[in-house]
N, C-alpha and C. Protein backbone atom coordinates (compact mmCIF):
# COMPACT_ATOMS: atom_id res chain seq x y z
N UNK A 1 43.47 198.68 37.88
CA UNK A 1 42.79 197.86 39.08
C UNK A 1 42.46 196.47 38.77
N UNK A 2 42.43 195.21 39.22
CA UNK A 2 42.15 194.02 39.00
C UNK A 2 40.50 194.45 39.74
N UNK A 3 39.33 193.74 38.86
CA UNK A 3 38.12 193.59 39.82
C UNK A 3 37.93 192.75 40.73
N UNK A 4 37.44 193.02 41.92
CA UNK A 4 37.38 192.10 42.99
C UNK A 4 35.81 191.73 42.80
N UNK A 5 35.89 190.33 43.52
CA UNK A 5 34.52 189.84 43.60
C UNK A 5 33.67 190.51 44.60
N UNK A 6 32.25 190.14 44.29
CA UNK A 6 31.42 190.99 44.97
C UNK A 6 31.49 190.57 46.53
N UNK A 7 31.33 191.16 47.60
CA UNK A 7 31.37 190.93 48.85
C UNK A 7 30.09 189.84 49.20
N UNK A 8 30.49 189.09 49.98
CA UNK A 8 29.26 187.80 50.17
C UNK A 8 28.05 188.68 50.69
N UNK A 9 27.88 189.51 51.39
CA UNK A 9 26.40 190.00 51.91
C UNK A 9 25.75 190.72 50.63
N UNK A 10 26.70 191.41 49.62
CA UNK A 10 26.32 191.96 48.51
C UNK A 10 25.79 191.04 47.76
N UNK A 11 26.29 189.85 47.58
CA UNK A 11 25.93 188.83 46.45
C UNK A 11 24.77 188.27 47.18
N UNK A 12 24.69 187.97 48.52
CA UNK A 12 23.55 187.24 48.95
C UNK A 12 22.28 188.45 49.18
N UNK A 13 22.64 189.51 48.99
CA UNK A 13 21.31 190.37 48.95
C UNK A 13 20.74 190.51 47.38
N UNK A 14 21.53 190.41 46.33
CA UNK A 14 20.96 190.68 45.07
C UNK A 14 20.51 189.62 44.89
N UNK A 15 20.96 188.08 45.25
CA UNK A 15 20.51 186.78 44.73
C UNK A 15 18.84 186.98 45.55
N UNK A 16 18.78 187.41 46.72
CA UNK A 16 17.58 187.46 47.65
C UNK A 16 16.31 188.43 47.28
N UNK A 17 16.85 189.45 46.62
CA UNK A 17 16.30 190.60 46.47
C UNK A 17 14.76 190.38 45.70
N UNK A 18 15.00 189.48 44.21
CA UNK A 18 13.93 189.05 43.68
C UNK A 18 12.38 188.35 44.31
N UNK A 19 13.14 187.37 45.52
CA UNK A 19 12.42 186.70 46.02
C UNK A 19 11.73 187.71 47.09
N UNK A 20 12.09 188.52 47.71
CA UNK A 20 11.79 189.24 48.72
C UNK A 20 10.65 190.26 48.05
N UNK A 21 10.63 190.77 46.97
CA UNK A 21 9.96 191.70 46.02
C UNK A 21 8.75 190.78 45.87
N UNK A 22 8.97 189.62 45.65
CA UNK A 22 7.54 188.84 44.95
C UNK A 22 6.87 188.83 46.26
N UNK A 23 7.37 188.11 47.30
CA UNK A 23 6.81 187.84 48.92
C UNK A 23 6.13 188.95 49.53
N UNK A 24 6.79 190.17 49.52
CA UNK A 24 6.50 191.41 50.14
C UNK A 24 5.76 192.03 49.07
N UNK A 25 5.82 192.27 47.92
CA UNK A 25 4.69 192.88 47.07
C UNK A 25 3.49 192.01 46.99
N UNK A 26 3.59 190.84 47.38
CA UNK A 26 2.14 190.15 47.48
C UNK A 26 1.24 190.52 48.78
N UNK A 27 2.29 190.87 49.66
CA UNK A 27 1.12 191.10 51.00
C UNK A 27 1.05 192.80 50.77
N UNK A 28 1.75 193.44 50.16
CA UNK A 28 1.94 195.00 50.04
C UNK A 28 0.66 195.24 49.10
N UNK A 29 0.51 194.68 47.99
CA UNK A 29 -0.99 194.74 47.13
C UNK A 29 -2.05 194.03 47.68
N UNK A 30 -2.13 193.08 48.39
CA UNK A 30 -3.49 192.42 48.77
C UNK A 30 -3.76 192.19 50.18
N UNK A 31 -2.69 192.87 51.03
CA UNK A 31 -2.94 193.28 52.69
C UNK A 31 -2.91 191.90 53.16
N UNK A 32 -3.60 190.69 52.79
CA UNK A 32 -3.67 189.53 54.05
C UNK A 32 -3.15 188.16 53.04
N UNK A 33 -2.63 187.34 53.35
CA UNK A 33 -2.45 185.97 52.74
C UNK A 33 -3.83 185.34 52.46
N UNK A 34 -5.00 185.66 53.05
CA UNK A 34 -5.94 185.10 52.35
C UNK A 34 -6.56 185.53 51.31
N UNK A 35 -6.27 187.25 51.10
CA UNK A 35 -6.50 187.66 50.12
C UNK A 35 -5.58 187.48 48.71
N UNK A 36 -4.18 187.26 49.13
CA UNK A 36 -3.33 186.49 48.17
C UNK A 36 -3.74 185.46 47.31
N UNK A 37 -4.37 184.52 48.51
CA UNK A 37 -4.98 183.35 47.89
C UNK A 37 -6.09 183.55 46.87
N UNK A 38 -7.06 184.28 47.49
CA UNK A 38 -8.30 184.78 46.62
C UNK A 38 -7.89 184.99 45.20
N UNK A 39 -6.86 186.20 45.20
CA UNK A 39 -6.67 186.73 44.21
C UNK A 39 -6.32 185.83 43.15
N UNK A 40 -5.11 185.36 43.27
CA UNK A 40 -4.35 184.19 42.53
C UNK A 40 -5.56 182.92 42.18
N UNK A 41 -6.33 182.47 43.09
CA UNK A 41 -7.27 181.49 42.70
C UNK A 41 -8.10 182.03 41.23
N UNK A 42 -8.57 183.49 41.12
CA UNK A 42 -9.36 183.92 40.10
C UNK A 42 -8.13 183.98 38.80
N UNK A 43 -6.91 184.44 39.48
CA UNK A 43 -5.95 184.90 38.18
C UNK A 43 -5.75 183.39 37.52
N UNK A 44 -5.83 182.15 38.38
CA UNK A 44 -5.34 180.79 37.72
C UNK A 44 -6.47 180.68 36.73
N UNK A 45 -7.77 181.03 37.06
CA UNK A 45 -8.90 180.58 36.15
C UNK A 45 -8.98 181.55 34.91
N UNK A 46 -8.15 182.61 34.84
CA UNK A 46 -8.44 183.65 33.77
C UNK A 46 -7.15 183.41 32.83
N UNK A 47 -6.06 182.73 33.40
CA UNK A 47 -4.77 182.76 32.76
C UNK A 47 -4.13 181.24 32.63
N UNK A 48 -5.04 180.55 31.84
CA UNK A 48 -4.54 178.99 31.85
C UNK A 48 -3.38 178.61 31.40
N UNK A 49 -3.12 179.29 30.32
CA UNK A 49 -1.86 179.24 29.66
C UNK A 49 -0.35 179.54 30.57
N UNK A 50 -0.49 180.79 31.27
CA UNK A 50 0.45 181.12 32.35
C UNK A 50 0.60 180.23 33.18
N UNK A 51 -0.54 179.90 33.85
CA UNK A 51 -0.62 178.79 34.65
C UNK A 51 0.30 177.55 34.59
N UNK A 52 -0.20 176.95 33.05
CA UNK A 52 0.76 175.84 32.76
C UNK A 52 2.17 175.91 32.68
N UNK A 53 2.64 177.40 32.33
CA UNK A 53 3.73 177.51 31.70
C UNK A 53 4.54 177.38 33.59
N UNK A 54 3.75 177.88 34.43
CA UNK A 54 4.37 178.29 35.77
C UNK A 54 4.51 176.75 36.39
N UNK A 55 3.41 175.79 36.03
CA UNK A 55 3.33 174.66 36.63
C UNK A 55 4.89 173.88 36.04
N UNK A 56 4.87 174.20 34.63
CA UNK A 56 6.38 173.36 34.37
C UNK A 56 7.65 173.90 35.00
N UNK A 57 7.51 174.90 35.36
CA UNK A 57 8.69 175.72 35.98
C UNK A 57 8.55 175.31 37.22
N UNK A 58 7.51 175.38 38.05
CA UNK A 58 7.92 174.85 39.16
C UNK A 58 7.86 173.45 39.44
N UNK A 59 7.65 172.61 38.39
CA UNK A 59 8.22 171.04 38.32
C UNK A 59 9.40 170.85 38.13
N UNK A 60 10.02 171.84 37.18
CA UNK A 60 11.38 171.40 36.62
C UNK A 60 12.41 172.12 37.18
N UNK A 61 12.18 173.28 37.77
CA UNK A 61 13.20 174.48 38.16
C UNK A 61 14.22 173.90 39.11
N UNK A 62 13.96 173.29 40.14
CA UNK A 62 14.92 172.81 41.07
C UNK A 62 15.80 171.83 40.37
N UNK A 63 15.10 171.06 39.52
CA UNK A 63 15.68 169.92 38.89
C UNK A 63 16.77 170.37 38.10
N UNK A 64 16.56 171.44 37.50
CA UNK A 64 17.77 171.93 36.38
C UNK A 64 19.02 172.20 37.25
N UNK A 65 18.86 172.79 38.55
CA UNK A 65 20.05 172.96 39.20
C UNK A 65 20.87 171.63 39.89
N UNK A 66 19.99 170.50 39.69
CA UNK A 66 20.84 169.19 39.82
C UNK A 66 21.71 169.02 38.85
N UNK A 67 21.30 169.15 37.48
CA UNK A 67 22.20 169.11 36.03
C UNK A 67 23.41 170.15 36.38
N UNK A 68 23.09 171.51 37.00
CA UNK A 68 24.15 172.39 37.09
C UNK A 68 25.50 171.72 38.10
N UNK A 69 24.94 171.16 39.39
CA UNK A 69 25.89 170.46 40.20
C UNK A 69 26.51 169.38 39.57
N UNK A 70 25.77 168.63 38.77
CA UNK A 70 26.20 167.24 38.24
C UNK A 70 27.35 167.97 37.29
N UNK A 71 27.18 168.87 36.34
CA UNK A 71 28.37 169.43 35.52
C UNK A 71 29.35 170.06 36.23
N UNK A 72 29.33 170.55 37.50
CA UNK A 72 30.57 170.79 38.00
C UNK A 72 30.94 169.67 38.63
N UNK A 73 30.42 168.68 38.99
CA UNK A 73 31.00 167.34 39.71
C UNK A 73 32.03 166.82 38.24
N UNK A 74 30.99 166.87 37.03
CA UNK A 74 32.14 166.10 35.91
C UNK A 74 33.10 167.06 35.53
N UNK A 75 33.29 168.25 35.72
CA UNK A 75 34.27 169.25 35.45
C UNK A 75 35.28 169.15 36.57
N UNK A 76 35.17 168.84 38.08
CA UNK A 76 35.93 168.71 39.15
C UNK A 76 36.87 167.39 38.65
N UNK A 77 36.11 166.24 38.18
CA UNK A 77 36.59 165.13 38.16
C UNK A 77 37.75 165.10 37.04
N UNK A 78 37.22 165.96 35.86
CA UNK A 78 38.34 165.91 34.68
C UNK A 78 39.35 166.54 34.97
N UNK A 79 39.30 167.87 35.52
CA UNK A 79 40.08 168.87 35.81
C UNK A 79 40.94 168.65 37.46
N UNK A 80 40.59 167.50 37.73
CA UNK A 80 40.96 167.46 39.28
C UNK A 80 41.05 168.64 40.26
N UNK A 81 39.83 168.96 40.20
CA UNK A 81 39.66 170.42 41.04
C UNK A 81 39.29 169.81 42.45
N UNK A 82 39.74 169.89 43.61
CA UNK A 82 39.52 169.87 44.45
C UNK A 82 38.18 170.62 45.12
N UNK A 83 38.73 171.82 44.59
CA UNK A 83 37.84 173.02 45.21
C UNK A 83 36.50 172.62 44.80
N UNK A 84 36.19 172.32 43.63
CA UNK A 84 34.51 171.89 42.79
C UNK A 84 34.25 170.75 43.40
N UNK A 85 35.18 169.78 43.61
CA UNK A 85 34.57 168.43 43.98
C UNK A 85 34.03 168.81 45.65
N UNK A 86 34.66 169.38 46.65
CA UNK A 86 34.18 169.72 47.67
C UNK A 86 33.17 170.69 47.69
N UNK A 87 32.83 171.36 46.81
CA UNK A 87 31.52 172.33 46.83
C UNK A 87 30.51 171.21 46.56
N UNK A 88 30.60 170.07 45.77
CA UNK A 88 29.56 169.22 45.25
C UNK A 88 29.43 168.45 46.52
N UNK A 89 30.43 167.68 47.13
CA UNK A 89 30.18 167.20 48.35
C UNK A 89 29.41 167.89 49.22
N UNK A 90 29.79 169.05 49.81
CA UNK A 90 29.17 169.92 50.74
C UNK A 90 27.75 170.20 50.27
N UNK A 91 27.43 170.39 49.13
CA UNK A 91 26.12 170.61 48.58
C UNK A 91 25.22 169.51 48.94
N UNK A 92 25.78 168.26 48.31
CA UNK A 92 24.66 166.78 48.75
C UNK A 92 24.50 167.06 50.11
N UNK A 93 25.94 167.14 51.03
CA UNK A 93 25.51 167.10 52.58
C UNK A 93 24.26 168.16 53.06
N UNK A 94 24.37 169.22 52.36
CA UNK A 94 23.58 170.44 53.03
C UNK A 94 22.08 169.98 52.32
N UNK A 95 21.90 169.51 51.26
CA UNK A 95 20.69 169.02 50.72
C UNK A 95 20.15 168.09 51.56
N UNK A 96 20.86 166.71 51.93
CA UNK A 96 20.09 165.86 52.67
C UNK A 96 19.87 166.43 54.06
N UNK A 97 20.79 167.43 54.33
CA UNK A 97 20.23 167.78 55.94
C UNK A 97 19.30 168.82 56.38
N UNK A 98 19.05 169.67 55.02
CA UNK A 98 18.24 170.95 55.18
C UNK A 98 17.12 170.79 54.12
N UNK A 99 17.07 170.46 52.96
CA UNK A 99 16.08 170.30 52.14
C UNK A 99 15.23 169.13 52.38
N UNK A 100 15.89 167.51 52.82
CA UNK A 100 15.19 166.74 52.82
C UNK A 100 14.80 166.51 54.44
N UNK A 101 15.41 167.11 55.05
CA UNK A 101 15.43 166.65 56.56
C UNK A 101 14.62 167.77 57.41
N UNK A 102 15.45 168.74 57.46
CA UNK A 102 15.09 170.21 58.37
C UNK A 102 13.61 170.49 57.61
N UNK A 103 13.55 170.58 56.51
CA UNK A 103 12.35 171.49 55.88
C UNK A 103 10.86 170.28 56.20
N UNK A 104 11.40 168.92 55.85
CA UNK A 104 10.43 168.07 56.17
C UNK A 104 9.82 167.85 57.62
N UNK A 105 10.88 168.28 58.58
CA UNK A 105 10.42 168.01 59.81
C UNK A 105 9.40 169.36 60.27
N UNK A 106 9.73 170.19 59.75
CA UNK A 106 9.24 171.62 60.13
C UNK A 106 7.61 171.64 59.36
N UNK A 107 7.63 171.10 58.11
CA UNK A 107 6.25 171.09 57.69
C UNK A 107 5.67 169.92 58.52
N UNK A 108 5.96 168.96 58.87
CA UNK A 108 4.96 168.02 59.69
C UNK A 108 4.84 168.76 60.97
N UNK A 109 6.02 169.39 61.67
CA UNK A 109 5.47 169.92 62.72
C UNK A 109 4.64 171.20 62.88
N UNK A 110 4.92 171.89 61.98
CA UNK A 110 3.88 173.10 62.07
C UNK A 110 2.46 172.99 61.38
N UNK A 111 2.41 172.26 60.55
CA UNK A 111 0.75 171.49 59.96
C UNK A 111 0.09 172.41 59.37
N UNK A 112 0.73 173.60 58.68
CA UNK A 112 -0.29 174.51 58.02
C UNK A 112 -0.78 174.35 56.81
N UNK A 113 -1.99 174.50 56.73
CA UNK A 113 -2.68 174.36 55.45
C UNK A 113 -2.13 174.98 54.03
N UNK A 114 -2.08 174.39 52.99
CA UNK A 114 -1.86 175.12 51.86
C UNK A 114 -3.31 176.13 51.44
N UNK A 115 -2.75 176.94 50.56
CA UNK A 115 -3.74 177.94 50.22
C UNK A 115 -5.05 177.50 49.41
N UNK A 116 -4.81 176.29 48.70
CA UNK A 116 -5.85 175.51 48.13
C UNK A 116 -6.78 174.82 48.71
N UNK A 117 -6.14 174.44 50.28
CA UNK A 117 -7.20 173.82 50.82
C UNK A 117 -7.85 174.66 52.05
N UNK A 118 -7.04 175.85 52.70
CA UNK A 118 -7.69 176.24 53.86
C UNK A 118 -7.46 175.65 54.99
N UNK A 119 -8.29 176.26 55.96
CA UNK A 119 -8.34 175.67 57.29
C UNK A 119 -7.49 176.16 58.58
N UNK A 120 -7.21 175.44 59.32
CA UNK A 120 -6.40 175.97 60.65
C UNK A 120 -5.05 175.05 60.75
N UNK A 121 -4.00 175.06 61.68
CA UNK A 121 -3.33 174.57 61.83
C UNK A 121 -3.36 173.22 62.23
N UNK A 122 -2.65 172.45 61.53
CA UNK A 122 -2.75 170.72 62.25
C UNK A 122 -1.39 170.07 62.48
N UNK A 123 -0.60 170.92 63.76
CA UNK A 123 0.72 170.37 63.69
C UNK A 123 0.69 168.69 63.94
N UNK A 124 2.04 168.22 63.85
CA UNK A 124 2.25 166.74 63.68
C UNK A 124 1.49 166.08 62.90
N UNK A 125 1.42 166.63 61.65
CA UNK A 125 0.56 165.86 60.89
C UNK A 125 1.08 165.26 59.40
N UNK A 126 0.73 163.97 58.84
CA UNK A 126 1.77 163.61 57.70
C UNK A 126 0.78 164.05 56.38
N UNK A 127 -0.32 164.58 56.65
CA UNK A 127 -1.19 164.87 55.39
C UNK A 127 -0.41 166.11 54.78
N UNK A 128 0.04 165.79 53.40
CA UNK A 128 0.49 166.57 52.60
C UNK A 128 0.02 167.97 52.22
N UNK A 129 -1.15 168.08 52.32
CA UNK A 129 -2.23 169.26 52.23
C UNK A 129 -1.78 170.10 53.58
N UNK A 130 -1.31 169.67 54.28
CA UNK A 130 -0.71 170.59 55.74
C UNK A 130 0.35 171.09 56.07
N UNK A 131 1.30 170.56 54.57
CA UNK A 131 2.62 171.07 54.84
C UNK A 131 3.06 172.23 53.90
N UNK A 132 2.21 173.17 54.40
CA UNK A 132 2.73 174.71 53.55
C UNK A 132 3.78 175.44 53.98
N UNK A 133 4.03 175.31 55.24
CA UNK A 133 5.24 176.13 55.63
C UNK A 133 6.55 175.19 56.10
N UNK A 134 7.53 175.54 55.80
CA UNK A 134 8.04 176.31 54.69
C UNK A 134 7.77 175.88 53.41
N UNK A 135 8.17 176.54 52.44
CA UNK A 135 8.12 176.09 50.98
C UNK A 135 9.43 175.58 50.59
N UNK A 136 9.21 174.03 50.23
CA UNK A 136 10.57 173.12 50.07
C UNK A 136 11.15 173.52 48.60
N UNK A 137 10.21 174.11 47.75
CA UNK A 137 10.94 174.45 46.62
C UNK A 137 11.95 175.65 46.82
N UNK A 138 11.65 176.52 47.56
CA UNK A 138 11.95 177.85 47.88
C UNK A 138 13.22 177.50 48.70
N UNK A 139 12.94 176.81 49.58
CA UNK A 139 14.47 176.23 50.39
C UNK A 139 15.31 175.64 49.77
N UNK A 140 14.81 174.69 48.67
CA UNK A 140 15.82 174.17 47.66
C UNK A 140 16.75 174.99 46.96
N UNK A 141 15.58 175.81 46.31
CA UNK A 141 16.42 176.58 45.26
C UNK A 141 17.29 177.58 45.68
N UNK A 142 16.75 178.06 47.02
CA UNK A 142 17.74 178.84 47.95
C UNK A 142 19.31 178.65 48.08
N UNK A 143 19.16 177.01 48.56
CA UNK A 143 20.33 176.65 48.88
C UNK A 143 21.04 176.00 47.86
N UNK A 144 20.48 176.03 46.45
CA UNK A 144 21.11 175.49 45.42
C UNK A 144 21.80 176.78 44.71
N UNK A 145 21.46 178.10 44.76
CA UNK A 145 21.77 179.04 44.25
C UNK A 145 22.65 179.90 44.92
N UNK A 146 22.60 179.76 46.36
CA UNK A 146 23.51 180.72 47.33
C UNK A 146 24.78 180.29 47.20
N UNK A 147 25.23 179.16 47.14
CA UNK A 147 26.86 178.88 46.78
C UNK A 147 27.33 179.53 45.65
N UNK A 148 26.40 179.32 44.61
CA UNK A 148 27.06 179.71 43.13
C UNK A 148 27.01 181.14 43.24
N UNK A 149 26.26 181.82 43.97
CA UNK A 149 26.12 183.51 44.06
C UNK A 149 27.36 183.82 44.43
N UNK A 150 27.84 182.95 45.57
CA UNK A 150 28.82 183.61 46.32
C UNK A 150 30.35 183.29 45.64
N UNK A 151 30.16 182.31 44.98
CA UNK A 151 31.49 182.10 44.12
C UNK A 151 31.49 183.25 42.74
N UNK A 152 30.47 183.96 42.51
CA UNK A 152 30.59 184.51 41.50
C UNK A 152 31.68 185.61 41.46
N UNK A 153 32.08 186.17 40.34
CA UNK A 153 33.14 187.47 40.16
C UNK A 153 32.69 188.77 39.80
N UNK A 154 31.34 188.87 39.61
CA UNK A 154 30.64 189.95 39.36
C UNK A 154 29.19 189.75 39.87
N UNK A 155 28.26 190.72 39.66
CA UNK A 155 26.85 190.79 40.35
C UNK A 155 26.22 190.09 39.27
N UNK A 156 26.44 189.80 38.15
CA UNK A 156 25.28 189.57 37.08
C UNK A 156 24.95 187.86 37.59
N UNK A 157 25.82 186.83 37.60
CA UNK A 157 25.42 185.46 38.12
C UNK A 157 24.39 185.85 39.37
N UNK A 158 24.84 186.47 40.62
CA UNK A 158 23.86 186.38 41.48
C UNK A 158 22.17 186.99 41.12
N UNK A 159 22.31 188.15 40.07
CA UNK A 159 21.16 188.55 39.87
C UNK A 159 20.13 187.63 38.89
N UNK A 160 21.08 186.72 37.97
CA UNK A 160 20.05 185.92 37.17
C UNK A 160 19.89 184.96 38.31
N UNK A 161 20.74 184.38 39.00
CA UNK A 161 20.23 183.34 39.83
C UNK A 161 18.84 183.59 40.74
N UNK A 162 19.11 185.03 41.07
CA UNK A 162 17.95 185.19 42.09
C UNK A 162 16.74 185.76 41.30
N UNK A 163 16.77 185.92 39.89
CA UNK A 163 15.49 186.19 39.12
C UNK A 163 15.12 184.77 38.80
N UNK A 164 15.86 184.03 38.93
CA UNK A 164 15.25 182.11 38.77
C UNK A 164 14.43 181.96 40.00
N UNK A 165 15.19 182.56 41.24
CA UNK A 165 14.69 182.21 42.70
C UNK A 165 13.47 182.89 42.65
N UNK A 166 13.39 184.01 42.20
CA UNK A 166 12.22 185.04 42.29
C UNK A 166 10.90 184.49 41.64
N UNK A 167 11.06 184.23 40.43
CA UNK A 167 10.11 183.43 39.65
C UNK A 167 9.85 181.96 40.46
N UNK A 168 10.45 180.92 41.00
CA UNK A 168 10.14 179.87 42.01
C UNK A 168 9.20 180.49 42.79
N UNK A 169 9.55 181.32 43.51
CA UNK A 169 8.86 181.95 44.66
C UNK A 169 7.29 182.12 43.96
N UNK A 170 7.32 183.19 43.02
CA UNK A 170 6.06 183.66 42.46
C UNK A 170 5.07 181.98 42.01
N UNK A 171 6.01 181.06 41.51
CA UNK A 171 4.95 180.12 40.80
C UNK A 171 4.55 179.44 42.10
N UNK A 172 5.08 179.24 43.17
CA UNK A 172 4.67 178.71 44.28
C UNK A 172 3.18 179.28 45.09
N UNK A 173 3.38 180.75 44.99
CA UNK A 173 2.30 181.33 45.44
C UNK A 173 1.15 181.68 44.32
N UNK A 174 1.42 181.72 43.22
CA UNK A 174 0.57 181.90 42.08
C UNK A 174 -0.14 180.67 41.94
N UNK A 175 0.32 179.47 42.17
CA UNK A 175 -0.27 178.11 41.85
C UNK A 175 -1.05 177.85 43.07
N UNK A 176 -1.24 178.43 43.95
CA UNK A 176 -1.74 178.21 45.28
C UNK A 176 -0.93 177.06 46.20
N UNK A 177 0.09 176.74 46.07
CA UNK A 177 0.84 175.85 46.79
C UNK A 177 1.16 176.25 48.31
N UNK A 178 1.56 177.74 48.09
CA UNK A 178 2.05 178.20 49.18
C UNK A 178 1.55 179.85 49.76
N UNK A 179 1.70 180.35 50.96
CA UNK A 179 1.62 181.53 51.32
C UNK A 179 2.79 182.29 50.97
N UNK A 180 2.85 183.90 50.96
CA UNK A 180 3.81 184.42 50.86
C UNK A 180 4.82 184.12 52.13
N UNK A 181 4.67 183.80 53.25
CA UNK A 181 5.52 183.71 54.45
C UNK A 181 6.09 182.24 54.41
N UNK A 182 5.24 181.56 53.54
CA UNK A 182 5.67 180.09 53.47
C UNK A 182 7.13 180.25 52.72
N UNK A 183 6.95 181.20 51.78
CA UNK A 183 8.02 180.99 50.45
C UNK A 183 9.19 181.98 51.36
N UNK A 184 9.02 182.66 52.15
CA UNK A 184 9.96 183.46 53.08
C UNK A 184 10.81 182.73 53.95
N UNK A 185 9.72 181.86 54.66
CA UNK A 185 10.20 180.89 55.63
C UNK A 185 11.19 179.57 54.98
N UNK A 186 10.74 179.53 53.60
CA UNK A 186 11.67 178.42 52.70
C UNK A 186 13.03 179.36 52.30
N UNK A 187 12.86 180.78 52.14
CA UNK A 187 14.25 181.42 51.78
C UNK A 187 15.07 181.20 53.01
N UNK A 188 14.67 181.85 54.13
CA UNK A 188 15.53 181.69 55.60
C UNK A 188 16.30 180.28 55.46
N UNK A 189 15.29 179.33 55.35
CA UNK A 189 15.98 177.84 55.69
C UNK A 189 17.02 177.62 54.47
N UNK A 190 16.75 178.16 53.35
CA UNK A 190 17.71 177.78 52.44
C UNK A 190 18.90 178.71 52.46
N UNK A 191 18.91 180.07 53.00
CA UNK A 191 19.91 180.64 53.24
C UNK A 191 21.15 179.97 54.27
N UNK A 192 20.46 179.32 55.47
CA UNK A 192 20.83 178.50 56.41
C UNK A 192 21.93 177.36 55.61
N UNK A 193 20.89 176.84 54.66
CA UNK A 193 21.42 175.47 53.69
C UNK A 193 22.47 175.96 53.07
N UNK A 194 22.28 177.00 52.22
CA UNK A 194 23.57 177.68 51.63
C UNK A 194 24.81 178.01 52.01
N UNK A 195 24.91 178.68 53.33
CA UNK A 195 25.73 178.72 54.28
C UNK A 195 26.42 177.54 54.87
N UNK A 196 25.65 176.42 55.26
CA UNK A 196 26.11 175.30 55.51
C UNK A 196 27.01 174.83 54.21
N UNK A 197 26.68 174.97 52.81
CA UNK A 197 27.31 174.55 52.14
C UNK A 197 28.65 174.88 51.92
N UNK A 198 29.04 176.08 52.29
CA UNK A 198 29.99 177.15 52.04
C UNK A 198 31.04 176.41 53.39
N UNK A 199 30.42 176.43 54.43
CA UNK A 199 31.35 175.66 55.67
C UNK A 199 31.78 174.25 55.56
N UNK A 200 30.76 173.49 54.91
CA UNK A 200 31.46 172.37 54.82
C UNK A 200 32.35 172.08 53.90
N UNK A 201 31.84 172.68 52.48
CA UNK A 201 32.96 173.03 51.58
C UNK A 201 34.49 173.34 52.43
N UNK A 202 34.45 174.64 52.99
CA UNK A 202 35.79 174.80 53.58
C UNK A 202 36.69 173.99 54.56
N UNK A 203 35.22 173.00 55.31
CA UNK A 203 36.05 172.22 56.00
C UNK A 203 36.69 171.06 55.38
N UNK A 204 35.93 170.42 54.11
CA UNK A 204 36.58 169.17 53.58
C UNK A 204 38.03 169.91 52.63
N UNK A 205 37.97 171.07 52.42
CA UNK A 205 39.10 171.56 51.72
C UNK A 205 40.32 171.64 52.74
N UNK A 206 40.03 171.64 53.79
CA UNK A 206 41.22 171.85 54.76
C UNK A 206 41.52 171.00 55.86
N UNK A 207 40.88 169.67 55.18
CA UNK A 207 41.05 168.56 56.15
C UNK A 207 42.00 167.51 55.30
N UNK A 208 43.43 167.46 56.00
CA UNK A 208 44.34 166.79 55.37
C UNK A 208 44.14 165.19 54.98
N UNK A 209 43.63 164.73 56.03
CA UNK A 209 43.27 163.16 56.07
C UNK A 209 42.03 162.96 54.91
N UNK A 210 41.23 163.41 54.89
CA UNK A 210 40.20 163.34 53.93
C UNK A 210 40.75 163.68 52.25
N UNK A 211 41.57 164.84 52.19
CA UNK A 211 42.17 165.08 50.97
C UNK A 211 43.04 163.91 50.62
N UNK A 212 43.70 163.36 51.63
CA UNK A 212 44.78 162.09 51.06
C UNK A 212 43.60 161.24 50.52
N UNK A 213 42.17 160.72 51.18
CA UNK A 213 41.51 159.72 51.05
C UNK A 213 40.95 159.62 49.65
N UNK A 214 40.39 161.12 49.30
CA UNK A 214 39.91 161.64 48.25
C UNK A 214 40.57 161.36 47.22
N UNK A 215 42.17 161.79 47.14
CA UNK A 215 43.20 161.84 46.18
C UNK A 215 43.32 160.16 45.89
N UNK A 216 43.44 159.33 46.81
CA UNK A 216 43.70 157.78 46.78
C UNK A 216 42.27 157.11 46.07
N UNK A 217 41.21 157.65 46.61
CA UNK A 217 40.12 156.91 45.88
C UNK A 217 40.07 157.17 44.37
N UNK A 218 40.23 158.78 44.12
CA UNK A 218 40.06 159.03 42.91
C UNK A 218 41.29 158.82 41.92
N UNK A 219 42.49 158.36 42.44
CA UNK A 219 43.63 158.18 41.56
C UNK A 219 44.44 159.57 41.34
N UNK A 220 44.19 160.49 42.30
CA UNK A 220 44.79 161.90 41.83
C UNK A 220 46.18 162.04 42.38
N UNK A 221 47.31 162.45 41.72
CA UNK A 221 48.37 162.68 42.42
C UNK A 221 48.34 163.72 43.55
N UNK A 222 49.31 163.42 44.44
CA UNK A 222 49.38 164.54 45.51
C UNK A 222 49.45 166.08 45.14
């Protein structure tokens, strides 16, 4: 019998598990977010090489997925794949709506101080040190990886993508940029973004007028 692709809920769970273990594990081990922040402040002082490596990953991990989607776009144009082209267009739309707009608005509105800063909430502030919740990196990488996980034919890609996502979550907590609940909030927002990618892509795929315009603009035959 031919092997079937994982159910969407299963792929999403496998993708999410490493991040949930990182955030939940921090809270289970140290009890409070203040204790988590204090632990990793000492950890960074004692593990400077690991801190540098995590800094490289946190700086460039999200950017790597830009290259992934750029590669999908190139492949779509070369192979005249409407499905892949719609995926990339939907990703760009959801990225603008969720990662750049919604996450930014929530950061400003909530005004939570970063672990490196401390203090109390300062809602509706433009001060970056008060933009801890949600984690933008976690939001973006969840949005980037979920559509890829949902297209996988087995559970290995969701697992590998989940490990990348979990490492990003760990880097944001360990480097003192976010609390565990910031990462969880980013994950939840990113899931919404990933689901929007799916819905946008399906809408584009089944819009005859748009399909005609795309084929005309790109010089594709009907």
